C-alpha atoms as a PDB file:
ATOM      1  CA  MET A   1       0.000   0.000   0.000  1.00  0.00           C
ATOM      2  CA  LYS A   2       1.412   3.378  -1.043  1.00  0.00           C
ATOM      3  CA  ARG A   3       0.494   7.066  -1.063  1.00  0.00           C
ATOM      4  CA  ASN A   4       2.044   9.897  -3.036  1.00  0.00           C
ATOM      5  CA  ASP A   5       2.132  12.224  -0.003  1.00  0.00           C
ATOM      6  CA  ALA A   6       3.173   9.940   2.879  1.00  0.00           C
ATOM      7  CA  ARG A   7       4.721   6.623   3.828  1.00  0.00           C
ATOM      8  CA  LEU A   8       3.190   3.812   5.825  1.00  0.00           C
ATOM      9  CA  CYS A   9       4.018   3.622   9.549  1.00  0.00           C
ATOM     10  CA  TYR A  10       5.027   0.250  10.922  1.00  0.00           C
ATOM     11  CA  ASP A  11       6.082   1.213  14.464  1.00  0.00           C
ATOM     12  CA  ILE A  12       2.510   1.466  15.781  1.00  0.00           C
ATOM     13  CA  PRO A  13       1.837  -0.195  19.162  1.00  0.00           C
ATOM     14  CA  LEU A  14      -0.550  -3.132  18.870  1.00  0.00           C
ATOM     15  CA  TYR A  15      -3.122  -1.444  21.119  1.00  0.00           C
ATOM     16  CA  ASN A  16      -3.260   1.600  18.811  1.00  0.00           C
ATOM     17  CA  GLN A  17      -3.628  -0.400  15.619  1.00  0.00           C
ATOM     18  CA  ILE A  18      -7.283  -1.121  16.396  1.00  0.00           C
ATOM     19  CA  PHE A  19      -8.218   2.569  16.807  1.00  0.00           C
ATOM     20  CA  PRO A  20      -8.940   3.325  13.110  1.00  0.00           C
ATOM     21  CA  PHE A  21     -11.425   0.436  13.086  1.00  0.00           C
ATOM     22  CA  LEU A  22     -13.168   1.540  16.291  1.00  0.00           C
ATOM     23  CA  MET A  23     -13.118   5.270  15.509  1.00  0.00           C
ATOM     24  CA  LYS A  24     -13.437   5.629  11.756  1.00  0.00           C
ATOM     25  CA  LYS A  25     -13.660   9.429  11.457  1.00  0.00           C
ATOM     26  CA  ARG A  26     -11.634  12.342  12.801  1.00  0.00           C
ATOM     27  CA  ASN A  27     -14.522  14.093  14.515  1.00  0.00           C
ATOM     28  CA  GLU A  28     -15.446  11.009  16.527  1.00  0.00           C
ATOM     29  CA  SER A  29     -11.765  10.759  17.527  1.00  0.00           C
ATOM     30  CA  ILE A  30     -11.296  14.432  18.351  1.00  0.00           C
ATOM     31  CA  VAL A  31      -9.805  15.594  21.649  1.00  0.00           C
ATOM     32  CA  TYR A  32      -9.900  19.231  22.753  1.00  0.00           C
ATOM     33  CA  HIS A  33      -7.158  20.679  24.917  1.00  0.00           C
ATOM     34  CA  THR A  34      -6.775  24.213  26.234  1.00  0.00           C
ATOM     35  CA  MET A  35      -3.385  25.492  27.303  1.00  0.00           C
ATOM     36  CA  THR A  36      -2.267  28.868  28.634  1.00  0.00           C
ATOM     37  CA  LEU A  37       1.167  29.680  27.280  1.00  0.00           C
ATOM     38  CA  ASP A  38       3.605  31.956  29.092  1.00  0.00           C
ATOM     39  CA  LEU A  39       4.934  34.263  26.358  1.00  0.00           C
ATOM     40  CA  THR A  40       6.925  36.633  28.552  1.00  0.00           C
ATOM     41  CA  GLU A  41      10.316  35.614  27.184  1.00  0.00           C
ATOM     42  CA  THR A  42       9.001  35.447  23.617  1.00  0.00           C
ATOM     43  CA  ALA A  43       7.680  39.014  23.863  1.00  0.00           C
ATOM     44  CA  LYS A  44      11.023  40.227  25.287  1.00  0.00           C
ATOM     45  CA  TYR A  45      12.891  38.510  22.469  1.00  0.00           C
ATOM     46  CA  ILE A  46      10.695  40.063  19.769  1.00  0.00           C
ATOM     47  CA  ARG A  47      10.890  43.560  21.299  1.00  0.00           C
ATOM     48  CA  ALA A  48      14.682  43.336  21.627  1.00  0.00           C
ATOM     49  CA  TYR A  49      15.065  42.208  18.007  1.00  0.00           C
ATOM     50  CA  ASN A  50      12.717  44.841  16.575  1.00  0.00           C
ATOM     51  CA  ALA A  51      14.401  47.580  18.669  1.00  0.00           C
ATOM     52  CA  THR A  52      17.430  47.217  16.389  1.00  0.00           C
ATOM     53  CA  LYS A  53      15.195  48.500  13.555  1.00  0.00           C
ATOM     54  CA  PRO A  54      15.891  45.638  11.154  1.00  0.00           C
ATOM     55  CA  GLU A  55      14.613  45.649   7.590  1.00  0.00           C
ATOM     56  CA  PHE A  56      12.524  42.612   8.477  1.00  0.00           C
ATOM     57  CA  ARG A  57      10.354  43.053  11.584  1.00  0.00           C
ATOM     58  CA  LEU A  58       9.576  39.977  13.620  1.00  0.00           C
ATOM     59  CA  LYS A  59       5.983  39.259  14.639  1.00  0.00           C
ATOM     60  CA  PHE A  60       4.684  36.999  17.380  1.00  0.00           C
ATOM     61  CA  PHE A  61       2.698  34.892  14.915  1.00  0.00           C
ATOM     62  CA  TYR A  62       5.877  34.066  13.004  1.00  0.00           C
ATOM     63  CA  VAL A  63       7.700  32.981  16.160  1.00  0.00           C
ATOM     64  CA  PHE A  64       4.744  30.895  17.312  1.00  0.00           C
ATOM     65  CA  CYS A  65       4.383  29.115  13.954  1.00  0.00           C
ATOM     66  CA  ALA A  66       8.139  28.504  13.807  1.00  0.00           C
ATOM     67  CA  ALA A  67       7.976  27.017  17.328  1.00  0.00           C
ATOM     68  CA  VAL A  68       5.083  24.741  16.306  1.00  0.00           C
ATOM     69  CA  MET A  69       6.963  23.579  13.209  1.00  0.00           C
ATOM     70  CA  ARG A  70      10.053  22.924  15.342  1.00  0.00           C
ATOM     71  CA  VAL A  71       7.977  20.738  17.675  1.00  0.00           C
ATOM     72  CA  PHE A  72       6.561  18.820  14.704  1.00  0.00           C
ATOM     73  CA  ALA A  73      10.089  18.322  13.360  1.00  0.00           C
ATOM     74  CA  LEU A  74      11.373  17.017  16.704  1.00  0.00           C
ATOM     75  CA  ARG A  75       8.209  15.049  17.548  1.00  0.00           C
ATOM     76  CA  PRO A  76       7.397  13.367  14.199  1.00  0.00           C
ATOM     77  CA  GLU A  77       4.420  11.353  15.467  1.00  0.00           C
ATOM     78  CA  LEU A  78       2.471  14.623  15.438  1.00  0.00           C
ATOM     79  CA  ASN A  79       2.982  14.740  11.679  1.00  0.00           C
ATOM     80  CA  ARG A  80       0.893  11.632  11.040  1.00  0.00           C
ATOM     81  CA  PHE A  81      -2.635  10.981   9.862  1.00  0.00           C
ATOM     82  CA  ILE A  82      -5.070   8.097   9.450  1.00  0.00           C
ATOM     83  CA  ALA A  83      -6.318   6.988   6.028  1.00  0.00           C
ATOM     84  CA  SER A  84      -7.835   3.665   4.921  1.00  0.00           C
ATOM     85  CA  ASN A  85      -7.428   2.343   8.487  1.00  0.00           C
ATOM     86  CA  HIS A  86      -3.648   2.819   8.368  1.00  0.00           C
ATOM     87  CA  TYR A  87      -1.173   5.216   9.969  1.00  0.00           C
ATOM     88  CA  TRP A  88       0.812   7.436   7.621  1.00  0.00           C
ATOM     89  CA  GLN A  89       3.857   9.670   8.112  1.00  0.00           C
ATOM     90  CA  ARG A  90       3.782  12.814   5.976  1.00  0.00           C
ATOM     91  CA  ASN A  91       6.607  13.427   3.527  1.00  0.00           C
ATOM     92  CA  GLU A  92       6.415  17.171   4.193  1.00  0.00           C
ATOM     93  CA  LEU A  93       6.308  19.581   7.096  1.00  0.00           C
ATOM     94  CA  SER A  94       3.566  22.119   6.417  1.00  0.00           C
ATOM     95  CA  LEU A  95       1.003  24.480   7.889  1.00  0.00           C
ATOM     96  CA  ASN A  96      -1.933  26.549   6.749  1.00  0.00           C
ATOM     97  CA  PHE A  97      -3.634  29.666   8.062  1.00  0.00           C
ATOM     98  CA  VAL A  98      -6.165  32.164   6.769  1.00  0.00           C
ATOM     99  CA  VAL A  99      -5.144  35.678   5.790  1.00  0.00           C
ATOM    100  CA  LYS A 100      -7.774  38.430   5.691  1.00  0.00           C
ATOM    101  CA  GLU A 101      -6.952  41.294   3.334  1.00  0.00           C
ATOM    102  CA  ASN A 102      -8.146  43.823   5.919  1.00  0.00           C
ATOM    103  CA  PHE A 103     -10.324  43.760   9.023  1.00  0.00           C
ATOM    104  CA  THR A 104     -13.710  44.484   7.447  1.00  0.00           C
ATOM    105  CA  ASP A 105     -16.678  42.172   6.939  1.00  0.00           C
ATOM    106  CA  ASP A 106     -16.402  42.267   3.162  1.00  0.00           C
ATOM    107  CA  ALA A 107     -12.621  41.815   2.942  1.00  0.00           C
ATOM    108  CA  PRO A 108     -11.676  38.609   1.119  1.00  0.00           C
ATOM    109  CA  GLU A 109      -9.967  35.744   2.921  1.00  0.00           C
ATOM    110  CA  THR A 110      -7.314  33.544   1.423  1.00  0.00           C
ATOM    111  CA  SER A 111      -5.230  30.574   2.468  1.00  0.00           C
ATOM    112  CA  ASN A 112      -2.381  28.615   0.973  1.00  0.00           C
ATOM    113  CA  PRO A 113      -0.463  25.668   2.438  1.00  0.00           C
ATOM    114  CA  LEU A 114       3.136  26.569   3.235  1.00  0.00           C
ATOM    115  CA  VAL A 115       5.770  23.830   3.064  1.00  0.00           C
ATOM    116  CA  PHE A 116       8.941  23.939   5.155  1.00  0.00           C
ATOM    117  CA  LYS A 117      12.063  21.867   5.709  1.00  0.00           C
ATOM    118  CA  PRO A 118      12.538  20.373   9.202  1.00  0.00           C
ATOM    119  CA  GLU A 119      16.026  21.868   9.527  1.00  0.00           C
ATOM    120  CA  MET A 120      14.839  25.449   8.948  1.00  0.00           C
ATOM    121  CA  THR A 121      15.516  28.179  11.497  1.00  0.00           C
ATOM    122  CA  LEU A 122      13.323  31.017  12.783  1.00  0.00           C
ATOM    123  CA  PHE A 123      14.060  33.628  10.154  1.00  0.00           C
ATOM    124  CA  GLU A 124      13.697  31.152   7.300  1.00  0.00           C
ATOM    125  CA  TYR A 125      10.218  30.256   8.581  1.00  0.00           C
ATOM    126  CA  ALA A 126       9.377  33.917   9.169  1.00  0.00           C
ATOM    127  CA  LYS A 127      10.483  35.056   5.706  1.00  0.00           C
ATOM    128  CA  ILE A 128       8.289  32.451   3.968  1.00  0.00           C
ATOM    129  CA  MET A 129       5.252  33.465   6.046  1.00  0.00           C
ATOM    130  CA  ASP A 130       5.895  37.184   5.633  1.00  0.00           C
ATOM    131  CA  ASP A 131       6.214  36.895   1.858  1.00  0.00           C
ATOM    132  CA  TYR A 132       2.974  34.924   1.695  1.00  0.00           C
ATOM    133  CA  ILE A 133       1.001  37.330   3.913  1.00  0.00           C
ATOM    134  CA  ASN A 134       2.248  40.397   2.044  1.00  0.00           C
ATOM    135  CA  GLY A 135       1.411  38.722  -1.253  1.00  0.00           C
ATOM    136  CA  ALA A 136      -2.085  37.804  -0.066  1.00  0.00           C
ATOM    137  CA  ARG A 137      -2.834  41.311   1.246  1.00  0.00           C
ATOM    138  CA  HIS A 138      -1.376  43.162  -1.713  1.00  0.00           C
ATOM    139  CA  VAL A 139      -2.597  40.997  -4.556  1.00  0.00           C
ATOM    140  CA  SER A 140      -0.886  41.702  -7.849  1.00  0.00           C
ATOM    141  CA  LYS A 141      -0.731  40.030 -11.224  1.00  0.00           C
ATOM    142  CA  ASP A 142       2.473  38.282 -10.136  1.00  0.00           C
ATOM    143  CA  TYR A 143       0.883  36.792  -7.004  1.00  0.00           C
ATOM    144  CA  GLU A 144      -0.800  33.425  -7.373  1.00  0.00           C
ATOM    145  CA  ASN A 145      -3.225  31.935  -4.886  1.00  0.00           C
ATOM    146  CA  TYR A 146      -3.597  28.310  -5.891  1.00  0.00           C
ATOM    147  CA  THR A 147      -6.394  27.629  -3.413  1.00  0.00           C
ATOM    148  CA  ASP A 148      -8.666  30.372  -4.722  1.00  0.00           C
ATOM    149  CA  ASP A 149      -7.736  29.654  -8.341  1.00  0.00           C
ATOM    150  CA  THR A 150      -8.545  25.945  -8.018  1.00  0.00           C
ATOM    151  CA  ILE A 151     -11.842  26.519  -6.209  1.00  0.00           C
ATOM    152  CA  GLY A 152     -12.757  29.167  -8.778  1.00  0.00           C
ATOM    153  CA  LEU A 153     -12.101  26.680 -11.576  1.00  0.00           C
ATOM    154  CA  PHE A 154     -14.408  24.081 -10.012  1.00  0.00           C
ATOM    155  CA  MET A 155     -17.187  26.544  -9.262  1.00  0.00           C
ATOM    156  CA  HIS A 156     -17.541  27.405 -12.938  1.00  0.00           C
ATOM    157  CA  PHE A 157     -19.244  24.044 -13.394  1.00  0.00           C
ATOM    158  CA  PRO A 158     -22.806  23.020 -12.438  1.00  0.00           C
ATOM    159  CA  SER A 159     -23.276  21.849  -8.832  1.00  0.00           C
ATOM    160  CA  TRP A 160     -23.754  18.200  -9.826  1.00  0.00           C
ATOM    161  CA  VAL A 161     -20.389  18.242 -11.590  1.00  0.00           C
ATOM    162  CA  VAL A 162     -18.708  19.810  -8.524  1.00  0.00           C
ATOM    163  CA  SER A 163     -20.340  17.223  -6.246  1.00  0.00           C
ATOM    164  CA  LEU A 164     -19.215  14.359  -8.474  1.00  0.00           C
ATOM    165  CA  ALA A 165     -15.679  15.763  -8.734  1.00  0.00           C
ATOM    166  CA  VAL A 166     -15.387  16.170  -4.945  1.00  0.00           C
ATOM    167  CA  LYS A 167     -16.548  12.577  -4.371  1.00  0.00           C
ATOM    168  CA  PHE A 168     -14.073  11.297  -6.946  1.00  0.00           C
ATOM    169  CA  LEU A 169     -11.188  13.313  -5.492  1.00  0.00           C
ATOM    170  CA  GLY A 170     -12.174  12.157  -1.997  1.00  0.00           C
ATOM    171  CA  PHE A 171     -11.973   8.548  -3.175  1.00  0.00           C
ATOM    172  CA  LEU A 172      -8.536   9.178  -4.686  1.00  0.00           C
ATOM    173  CA  ASP A 173      -7.408  10.933  -1.494  1.00  0.00           C
ATOM    174  CA  ARG A 174      -8.485   8.079   0.772  1.00  0.00           C
ATOM    175  CA  HIS A 175      -6.411   5.723  -1.352  1.00  0.00           C
ATOM    176  CA  GLY A 176      -3.406   8.047  -1.621  1.00  0.00           C
ATOM    177  CA  ARG A 177      -3.821   8.908  -5.269  1.00  0.00           C
ATOM    178  CA  CYS A 178      -5.042  12.497  -5.059  1.00  0.00           C
ATOM    179  CA  PRO A 179      -3.186  14.661  -7.631  1.00  0.00           C
ATOM    180  CA  LYS A 180      -0.451  16.856  -6.187  1.00  0.00           C
ATOM    181  CA  PHE A 181      -1.980  20.033  -7.655  1.00  0.00           C
ATOM    182  CA  VAL A 182      -5.100  19.437  -5.540  1.00  0.00           C
ATOM    183  CA  ARG A 183      -3.061  19.009  -2.341  1.00  0.00           C
ATOM    184  CA  ASP A 184      -0.996  22.084  -3.198  1.00  0.00           C
ATOM    185  CA  ALA A 185      -4.194  24.092  -3.484  1.00  0.00           C
ATOM    186  CA  ASP A 186      -5.900  22.492  -0.496  1.00  0.00           C
ATOM    187  CA  GLY A 187      -5.084  23.742   2.995  1.00  0.00           C
ATOM    188  CA  LEU A 188      -6.492  20.594   4.583  1.00  0.00           C
ATOM    189  CA  HIS A 189      -3.589  18.331   3.666  1.00  0.00           C
ATOM    190  CA  THR A 190      -1.125  20.076   5.969  1.00  0.00           C
ATOM    191  CA  SER A 191       0.545  19.018   9.212  1.00  0.00           C
ATOM    192  CA  VAL A 192      -1.473  21.593  11.146  1.00  0.00           C
ATOM    193  CA  PHE A 193      -3.961  24.430  10.583  1.00  0.00           C
ATOM    194  CA  ILE A 194      -3.443  27.513  12.778  1.00  0.00           C
ATOM    195  CA  ALA A 195      -6.160  30.131  13.320  1.00  0.00           C
ATOM    196  CA  ASN A 196      -4.955  33.403  14.842  1.00  0.00           C
ATOM    197  CA  LEU A 197      -8.249  34.542  16.407  1.00  0.00           C
ATOM    198  CA  GLY A 198      -6.476  36.926  18.750  1.00  0.00           C
ATOM    199  CA  SER A 199      -5.600  39.104  15.759  1.00  0.00           C
ATOM    200  CA  ILE A 200      -9.285  39.988  15.348  1.00  0.00           C
ATOM    201  CA  GLY A 201      -9.685  40.862  19.038  1.00  0.00           C
ATOM    202  CA  ILE A 202     -11.548  37.808  20.265  1.00  0.00           C
ATOM    203  CA  GLU A 203     -12.083  37.769  24.034  1.00  0.00           C
ATOM    204  CA  GLY A 204     -12.928  35.073  26.581  1.00  0.00           C
ATOM    205  CA  GLY A 205     -10.293  32.524  25.604  1.00  0.00           C
ATOM    206  CA  SER A 206      -9.773  30.667  22.386  1.00  0.00           C
ATOM    207  CA  PRO A 207     -12.633  28.588  20.904  1.00  0.00           C
ATOM    208  CA  HIS A 208     -11.771  25.140  19.608  1.00  0.00           C
ATOM    209  CA  HIS A 209     -12.081  24.245  15.945  1.00  0.00           C
ATOM    210  CA  HIS A 210     -13.447  20.993  14.593  1.00  0.00           C
ATOM    211  CA  LEU A 211     -11.389  18.748  12.322  1.00  0.00           C
ATOM    212  CA  TYR A 212     -12.279  18.130   8.672  1.00  0.00           C
ATOM    213  CA  GLU A 213     -13.014  14.701   7.267  1.00  0.00           C
ATOM    214  CA  TRP A 214     -11.718  15.951   3.931  1.00  0.00           C
ATOM    215  CA  GLY A 215      -7.949  15.955   3.611  1.00  0.00           C
ATOM    216  CA  THR A 216      -5.426  14.693   6.149  1.00  0.00           C
ATOM    217  CA  THR A 217      -4.960  17.490   8.713  1.00  0.00           C
ATOM    218  CA  SER A 218      -4.974  15.921  12.173  1.00  0.00           C
ATOM    219  CA  MET A 219      -4.532  19.043  14.311  1.00  0.00           C
ATOM    220  CA  PHE A 220      -6.064  22.524  14.532  1.00  0.00           C
ATOM    221  CA  ILE A 221      -4.610  25.211  16.789  1.00  0.00           C
ATOM    222  CA  THR A 222      -6.484  28.388  17.697  1.00  0.00           C
ATOM    223  CA  LEU A 223      -4.767  31.396  19.244  1.00  0.00           C
ATOM    224  CA  GLY A 224      -6.532  33.741  21.624  1.00  0.00           C
ATOM    225  CA  ARG A 225      -5.593  37.276  22.590  1.00  0.00           C
ATOM    226  CA  MET A 226      -2.339  38.067  24.375  1.00  0.00           C
ATOM    227  CA  ASP A 227      -3.049  39.172  27.953  1.00  0.00           C
ATOM    228  CA  ARG A 228      -1.059  40.375  30.912  1.00  0.00           C
ATOM    229  CA  THR A 229      -1.348  38.118  33.947  1.00  0.00           C
ATOM    230  CA  ARG A 230      -0.334  39.231  37.425  1.00  0.00           C
ATOM    231  CA  ASP A 231       1.002  36.864  40.070  1.00  0.00           C
ATOM    232  CA  PHE A 232       0.312  37.755  43.713  1.00  0.00           C
ATOM    233  CA  ASP A 233       1.886  36.675  46.985  1.00  0.00           C
ATOM    234  CA  ASP A 234      -0.096  35.652  50.078  1.00  0.00           C
ATOM    235  CA  ASN A 235      -0.532  39.303  51.042  1.00  0.00           C
ATOM    236  CA  GLY A 236      -2.038  40.289  47.705  1.00  0.00           C
ATOM    237  CA  LYS A 237       1.094  42.066  46.495  1.00  0.00           C
ATOM    238  CA  VAL A 238       2.002  41.785  42.805  1.00  0.00           C
ATOM    239  CA  ILE A 239       5.232  39.808  42.543  1.00  0.00           C
ATOM    240  CA  ALA A 240       5.364  39.228  38.782  1.00  0.00           C
ATOM    241  CA  THR A 241       3.668  40.211  35.553  1.00  0.00           C
ATOM    242  CA  ARG A 242       3.549  37.709  32.719  1.00  0.00           C
ATOM    243  CA  GLU A 243       2.330  37.896  29.131  1.00  0.00           C
ATOM    244  CA  THR A 244       0.093  34.930  28.427  1.00  0.00           C
ATOM    245  CA  MET A 245      -2.153  33.546  25.717  1.00  0.00           C
ATOM    246  CA  GLN A 246      -4.783  30.837  25.746  1.00  0.00           C
ATOM    247  CA  ILE A 247      -4.316  28.255  23.002  1.00  0.00           C
ATOM    248  CA  GLY A 248      -6.893  25.709  21.854  1.00  0.00           C
ATOM    249  CA  PHE A 249      -5.850  22.364  20.379  1.00  0.00           C
ATOM    250  CA  SER A 250      -8.146  20.025  18.430  1.00  0.00           C
ATOM    251  CA  VAL A 251      -6.394  16.718  17.850  1.00  0.00           C
ATOM    252  CA  ASP A 252      -7.191  13.365  16.276  1.00  0.00           C
ATOM    253  CA  GLU A 253      -6.413  11.151  19.276  1.00  0.00           C
ATOM    254  CA  ARG A 254      -5.691   8.125  17.083  1.00  0.00           C
ATOM    255  CA  VAL A 255      -2.524   9.711  15.698  1.00  0.00           C
ATOM    256  CA  THR A 256      -0.432   9.495  18.877  1.00  0.00           C
ATOM    257  CA  SER A 257      -0.764   8.870  22.601  1.00  0.00           C
ATOM    258  CA  GLY A 258      -1.883  11.490  25.109  1.00  0.00           C
ATOM    259  CA  PHE A 259       1.482  11.175  26.843  1.00  0.00           C
ATOM    260  CA  TYR A 260       3.359  11.947  23.603  1.00  0.00           C
ATOM    261  CA  PHE A 261       1.068  14.897  22.862  1.00  0.00           C
ATOM    262  CA  ILE A 262       1.415  16.475  26.323  1.00  0.00           C
ATOM    263  CA  LYS A 263       5.205  16.119  26.229  1.00  0.00           C
ATOM    264  CA  SER A 264       5.119  17.830  22.827  1.00  0.00           C
ATOM    265  CA  MET A 265       3.081  20.736  24.225  1.00  0.00           C
ATOM    266  CA  LEU A 266       5.530  21.102  27.119  1.00  0.00           C
ATOM    267  CA  MET A 267       8.293  21.248  24.516  1.00  0.00           C
ATOM    268  CA  LEU A 268       6.377  24.049  22.767  1.00  0.00           C
ATOM    269  CA  GLN A 269       6.292  26.032  26.010  1.00  0.00           C
ATOM    270  CA  ASP A 270      10.007  25.391  26.571  1.00  0.00           C
ATOM    271  CA  ILE A 271      10.862  26.656  23.074  1.00  0.00           C
ATOM    272  CA  LEU A 272       8.796  29.807  23.644  1.00  0.00           C
ATOM    273  CA  ASN A 273      10.676  30.308  26.915  1.00  0.00           C
ATOM    274  CA  HIS A 274      13.924  30.235  24.910  1.00  0.00           C
ATOM    275  CA  PRO A 275      13.004  31.548  21.430  1.00  0.00           C
ATOM    276  CA  GLU A 276      16.663  32.200  20.598  1.00  0.00           C
ATOM    277  CA  GLU A 277      17.011  28.411  20.212  1.00  0.00           C
ATOM    278  CA  LEU A 278      14.914  28.695  17.047  1.00  0.00           C
ATOM    279  CA  GLU A 279      17.861  30.466  15.417  1.00  0.00           C
ATOM    280  CA  LYS A 280      19.831  27.208  15.599  1.00  0.00           C
ATOM    281  CA  VAL A 281      19.534  24.243  13.234  1.00  0.00           C
ATOM    282  CA  PRO A 282      17.811  21.426  15.185  1.00  0.00           C
ATOM    283  CA  ASP A 283      19.233  17.983  15.841  1.00  0.00           C
ATOM    284  CA  LEU A 284      16.517  15.946  14.130  1.00  0.00           C
ATOM    285  CA  PRO A 285      15.390  12.492  15.296  1.00  0.00           C
ATOM    286  CA  GLN A 286      15.691   9.346  13.193  1.00  0.00           C
ATOM    287  CA  ASP A 287      13.236   8.998  10.344  1.00  0.00           C
ATOM    288  CA  THR A 288      10.217   6.714  10.595  1.00  0.00           C
ATOM    289  CA  PRO A 289      11.489   3.157  10.069  1.00  0.00           C
ATOM    290  CA  THR A 290      10.759   1.318   6.846  1.00  0.00           C
ATOM    291  CA  LYS A 291       9.087  -2.081   6.892  1.00  0.00           C
ATOM    292  CA  ALA A 292      12.463  -3.834   6.632  1.00  0.00           C
ATOM    293  CA  GLN A 293      13.984  -1.705   9.405  1.00  0.00           C
ATOM    294  CA  TYR A 294      11.010  -2.305  11.686  1.00  0.00           C
ATOM    295  CA  LYS A 295      11.107  -6.071  11.087  1.00  0.00           C
ATOM    296  CA  ALA A 296      14.839  -6.128  11.836  1.00  0.00           C
ATOM    297  CA  LYS A 297      14.262  -4.162  15.039  1.00  0.00           C
ATOM    298  CA  MET A 298      11.479  -6.481  16.196  1.00  0.00           C
ATOM    299  CA  LYS A 299      13.616  -9.522  15.360  1.00  0.00           C
ATOM    300  CA  GLU A 300      16.482  -8.149  17.450  1.00  0.00           C
ATOM    301  CA  LEU A 301      14.167  -7.370  20.380  1.00  0.00           C
ATOM    302  CA  LYS A 302      12.702 -10.862  20.211  1.00  0.00           C
ATOM    303  CA  LYS A 303      16.212 -12.292  20.191  1.00  0.00           C
ATOM    304  CA  GLN A 304      17.198 -10.208  23.228  1.00  0.00           C
ATOM    305  CA  LYS A 305      14.079 -11.259  25.152  1.00  0.00           C
ATOM    306  CA  LYS A 306      14.730 -14.900  24.366  1.00  0.00           C
ATOM    307  CA  LEU A 307      18.338 -14.550  25.497  1.00  0.00           C
ATOM    308  CA  ALA A 308      17.334 -12.747  28.696  1.00  0.00           C
ATOM    309  CA  LYS A 309      14.779 -15.474  29.469  1.00  0.00           C
ATOM    310  CA  LYS A 310      17.393 -18.160  28.882  1.00  0.00           C
ATOM    311  CA  GLU A 311      19.903 -16.426  31.169  1.00  0.00           C
ATOM    312  CA  ALA A 312      17.261 -15.940  33.880  1.00  0.00           C
ATOM    313  CA  LYS A 313      16.408 -19.662  33.724  1.00  0.00           C
ATOM    314  CA  LYS A 314      20.092 -20.573  33.915  1.00  0.00           C
ATOM    315  CA  ALA A 315      20.623 -18.286  36.929  1.00  0.00           C
ATOM    316  CA  SER A 316      17.594 -19.805  38.631  1.00  0.00           C
ATOM    317  CA  GLU A 317      18.910 -23.368  38.108  1.00  0.00           C
ATOM    318  CA  GLN A 318      22.332 -22.407  39.485  1.00  0.00           C
ATOM    319  CA  SER A 319      20.778 -20.872  42.608  1.00  0.00           C
ATOM    320  CA  HIS A 320      18.918 -24.113  43.343  1.00  0.00           C
ATOM    321  CA  SER A 321      21.872 -26.392  42.701  1.00  0.00           C
END
């Protein structure tokens, strides 16, 4: 079994292998998690960098997205999805987000999946995002939005043709044969979708987003508004002021364990506590094992267990002799 956008995962614990058969869709497998991030050090880092008046100004959204991509690069199980009852590891590291041309009701919205390399550093991530956002908000003849162009092409046809085409493409997608041009234009085949709701002034936390059955995106992240939080001592005196933000995660729980996910979110907080680390090239983990590599690993483990059992039996016999 093969796909043109991912490779089959073989290192899935036996207990997890049954999940796609018990929970067949993403929205019956969805888990919501709310986390309050401490962004004090991130804000200091951004202010210090921008105080030098560089040609390229750093924004919080860029740092946050770069931190998320770094976590996905270091914690590759997050970059998986379920299709045809199997676990798949994406070939690419990618994200999508919506850009509004301006903050009015009638302003158009656009989105395009952005693809990155796992070894990228902060300013490489930031430059790609900045170029895309500026292109989307200042549309010119030279700027191409593949998502809008592709949807526009389909919508020229009668509704029954669109419905038939979507069903056919969905069938191809489930079996890993969806054309690359569709995935390139579709923001729902990315590692993660990030919605910056704080940028439009939303209050009262960050609402959670559902997952889509279309595509392969297994995680949505919503950002709330940045707030200042005061810490008090027992006498009611302010002892610290922190900049915080509530983040909402919507995750397909079949993709990885809760333990792995929580450790990944703690890593995200740690990176945002030390954003300067994003300037360094990461030490990436080993790639997902192939079928042959996994079989060899399991064979070696079986051999070690057998040897350990034999030695334990021998030690037991010697103790009784």
